[in-house]
Amino acid sequence: MRAFLILVGIVVTVLLVVGFFRGWFNVSGSTSSHQVGARLTVHPGKMESDKNKAARAVGIHTQTAASPRPATSTDHHAGSVDRSAE
């Protein structure tokens, strides 16, 4: 259970750091006499845009990997002759 909580903590930390650098979150602060304020702004449109870009990139790679490759001279079946008709 402890290892699972550590893993969740690491994943959350990585997401926060990546999100901050990708512009998903903005943190701003203000001070006045004896008061400190902090504001966290979330940009869901930027998150959605990045999610769609990642989905397209993964889709392109999976389509490329799933397409059949052309036969080459190093294939075992290339150049074999069907002798069942003889």
C-alpha atoms as a PDB file:
ATOM      1  CA  MET A   1       0.000   0.000   0.000  1.00  0.00           C
ATOM      2  CA  ARG A   2       2.858   2.340   0.818  1.00  0.00           C
ATOM      3  CA  ALA A   3       4.465   1.750  -2.584  1.00  0.00           C
ATOM      4  CA  PHE A   4       1.146   2.511  -4.298  1.00  0.00           C
ATOM      5  CA  LEU A   5       0.809   5.835  -2.459  1.00  0.00           C
ATOM      6  CA  ILE A   6       4.377   6.748  -3.391  1.00  0.00           C
ATOM      7  CA  LEU A   7       3.612   5.930  -7.030  1.00  0.00           C
ATOM      8  CA  VAL A   8       0.450   8.069  -6.964  1.00  0.00           C
ATOM      9  CA  GLY A   9       2.429  10.926  -5.409  1.00  0.00           C
ATOM     10  CA  ILE A  10       5.090  10.701  -8.112  1.00  0.00           C
ATOM     11  CA  VAL A  11       2.494  10.619 -10.913  1.00  0.00           C
ATOM     12  CA  VAL A  12       0.653  13.645  -9.484  1.00  0.00           C
ATOM     13  CA  THR A  13       3.925  15.552  -9.086  1.00  0.00           C
ATOM     14  CA  VAL A  14       4.992  14.777 -12.660  1.00  0.00           C
ATOM     15  CA  LEU A  15       1.594  15.864 -14.004  1.00  0.00           C
ATOM     16  CA  LEU A  16       1.753  19.124 -12.063  1.00  0.00           C
ATOM     17  CA  VAL A  17       5.280  19.913 -13.263  1.00  0.00           C
ATOM     18  CA  VAL A  18       4.502  19.027 -16.890  1.00  0.00           C
ATOM     19  CA  GLY A  19       1.222  20.935 -16.705  1.00  0.00           C
ATOM     20  CA  PHE A  20       2.935  24.017 -15.319  1.00  0.00           C
ATOM     21  CA  PHE A  21       5.556  24.033 -18.080  1.00  0.00           C
ATOM     22  CA  ARG A  22       2.968  23.274 -20.800  1.00  0.00           C
ATOM     23  CA  GLY A  23       0.846  26.223 -19.635  1.00  0.00           C
ATOM     24  CA  TRP A  24      -2.043  24.212 -18.214  1.00  0.00           C
ATOM     25  CA  PHE A  25      -1.781  26.009 -14.861  1.00  0.00           C
ATOM     26  CA  ASN A  26      -0.865  29.520 -13.842  1.00  0.00           C
ATOM     27  CA  VAL A  27       0.032  30.608 -10.322  1.00  0.00           C
ATOM     28  CA  SER A  28      -0.031  34.258  -9.319  1.00  0.00           C
ATOM     29  CA  GLY A  29       0.167  36.017  -6.007  1.00  0.00           C
ATOM     30  CA  SER A  30      -0.622  39.341  -4.390  1.00  0.00           C
ATOM     31  CA  THR A  31       0.321  40.956  -1.131  1.00  0.00           C
ATOM     32  CA  SER A  32      -1.229  43.717   0.882  1.00  0.00           C
ATOM     33  CA  SER A  33      -0.788  44.838   4.452  1.00  0.00           C
ATOM     34  CA  HIS A  34      -0.558  41.653   6.551  1.00  0.00           C
ATOM     35  CA  GLN A  35      -2.233  39.511   3.867  1.00  0.00           C
ATOM     36  CA  VAL A  36      -0.854  37.258   1.188  1.00  0.00           C
ATOM     37  CA  GLY A  37      -3.026  35.943  -1.613  1.00  0.00           C
ATOM     38  CA  ALA A  38      -2.410  33.199  -4.134  1.00  0.00           C
ATOM     39  CA  ARG A  39      -4.389  32.355  -7.246  1.00  0.00           C
ATOM     40  CA  LEU A  40      -4.280  29.169  -9.284  1.00  0.00           C
ATOM     41  CA  THR A  41      -5.674  29.504 -12.800  1.00  0.00           C
ATOM     42  CA  VAL A  42      -6.401  26.388 -14.847  1.00  0.00           C
ATOM     43  CA  HIS A  43      -6.543  26.508 -18.667  1.00  0.00           C
ATOM     44  CA  PRO A  44      -8.731  23.545 -19.755  1.00  0.00           C
ATOM     45  CA  GLY A  45      -8.630  24.624 -23.415  1.00  0.00           C
ATOM     46  CA  LYS A  46      -4.836  24.250 -23.468  1.00  0.00           C
ATOM     47  CA  MET A  47      -5.135  20.822 -21.805  1.00  0.00           C
ATOM     48  CA  GLU A  48      -7.686  19.711 -24.417  1.00  0.00           C
ATOM     49  CA  SER A  49      -5.498  20.987 -27.253  1.00  0.00           C
ATOM     50  CA  ASP A  50      -2.450  19.111 -25.958  1.00  0.00           C
ATOM     51  CA  LYS A  51      -4.541  15.974 -25.403  1.00  0.00           C
ATOM     52  CA  ASN A  52      -5.780  16.068 -29.000  1.00  0.00           C
ATOM     53  CA  LYS A  53      -2.250  16.604 -30.336  1.00  0.00           C
ATOM     54  CA  ALA A  54      -1.006  13.619 -28.332  1.00  0.00           C
ATOM     55  CA  ALA A  55      -3.909  11.447 -29.498  1.00  0.00           C
ATOM     56  CA  ARG A  56      -3.180  12.306 -33.133  1.00  0.00           C
ATOM     57  CA  ALA A  57       0.529  11.573 -32.663  1.00  0.00           C
ATOM     58  CA  VAL A  58      -0.175   8.205 -31.028  1.00  0.00           C
ATOM     59  CA  GLY A  59      -2.770   7.396 -33.686  1.00  0.00           C
ATOM     60  CA  ILE A  60      -0.266   8.081 -36.455  1.00  0.00           C
ATOM     61  CA  HIS A  61       2.318   5.823 -34.829  1.00  0.00           C
ATOM     62  CA  THR A  62      -0.132   3.006 -34.157  1.00  0.00           C
ATOM     63  CA  GLN A  63      -1.481   3.139 -37.721  1.00  0.00           C
ATOM     64  CA  THR A  64       2.063   2.973 -39.080  1.00  0.00           C
ATOM     65  CA  ALA A  65       2.923   0.024 -36.840  1.00  0.00           C
ATOM     66  CA  ALA A  66      -0.287  -1.822 -37.728  1.00  0.00           C
ATOM     67  CA  SER A  67       0.109  -1.502 -41.505  1.00  0.00           C
ATOM     68  CA  PRO A  68       1.612  -4.530 -43.244  1.00  0.00           C
ATOM     69  CA  ARG A  69       5.156  -4.170 -44.413  1.00  0.00           C
ATOM     70  CA  PRO A  70       6.102  -4.972 -47.980  1.00  0.00           C
ATOM     71  CA  ALA A  71       7.823  -8.287 -48.730  1.00  0.00           C
ATOM     72  CA  THR A  72      11.586  -8.130 -49.041  1.00  0.00           C
ATOM     73  CA  SER A  73      14.145 -10.584 -50.329  1.00  0.00           C
ATOM     74  CA  THR A  74      15.045 -11.517 -46.745  1.00  0.00           C
ATOM     75  CA  ASP A  75      11.539 -12.842 -46.037  1.00  0.00           C
ATOM     76  CA  HIS A  76      11.386 -16.614 -45.675  1.00  0.00           C
ATOM     77  CA  HIS A  77       8.451 -16.991 -48.046  1.00  0.00           C
ATOM     78  CA  ALA A  78       9.682 -14.641 -50.763  1.00  0.00           C
ATOM     79  CA  GLY A  79      10.632 -16.571 -53.866  1.00  0.00           C
ATOM     80  CA  SER A  80       9.177 -19.887 -52.686  1.00  0.00           C
ATOM     81  CA  VAL A  81       7.537 -22.030 -55.323  1.00  0.00           C
ATOM     82  CA  ASP A  82       4.225 -23.836 -54.867  1.00  0.00           C
ATOM     83  CA  ARG A  83       4.907 -27.436 -55.924  1.00  0.00           C
ATOM     84  CA  SER A  84       1.480 -28.854 -54.987  1.00  0.00           C
ATOM     85  CA  ALA A  85       0.298 -28.820 -58.648  1.00  0.00           C
ATOM     86  CA  GLU A  86       3.076 -31.169 -59.845  1.00  0.00           C
END
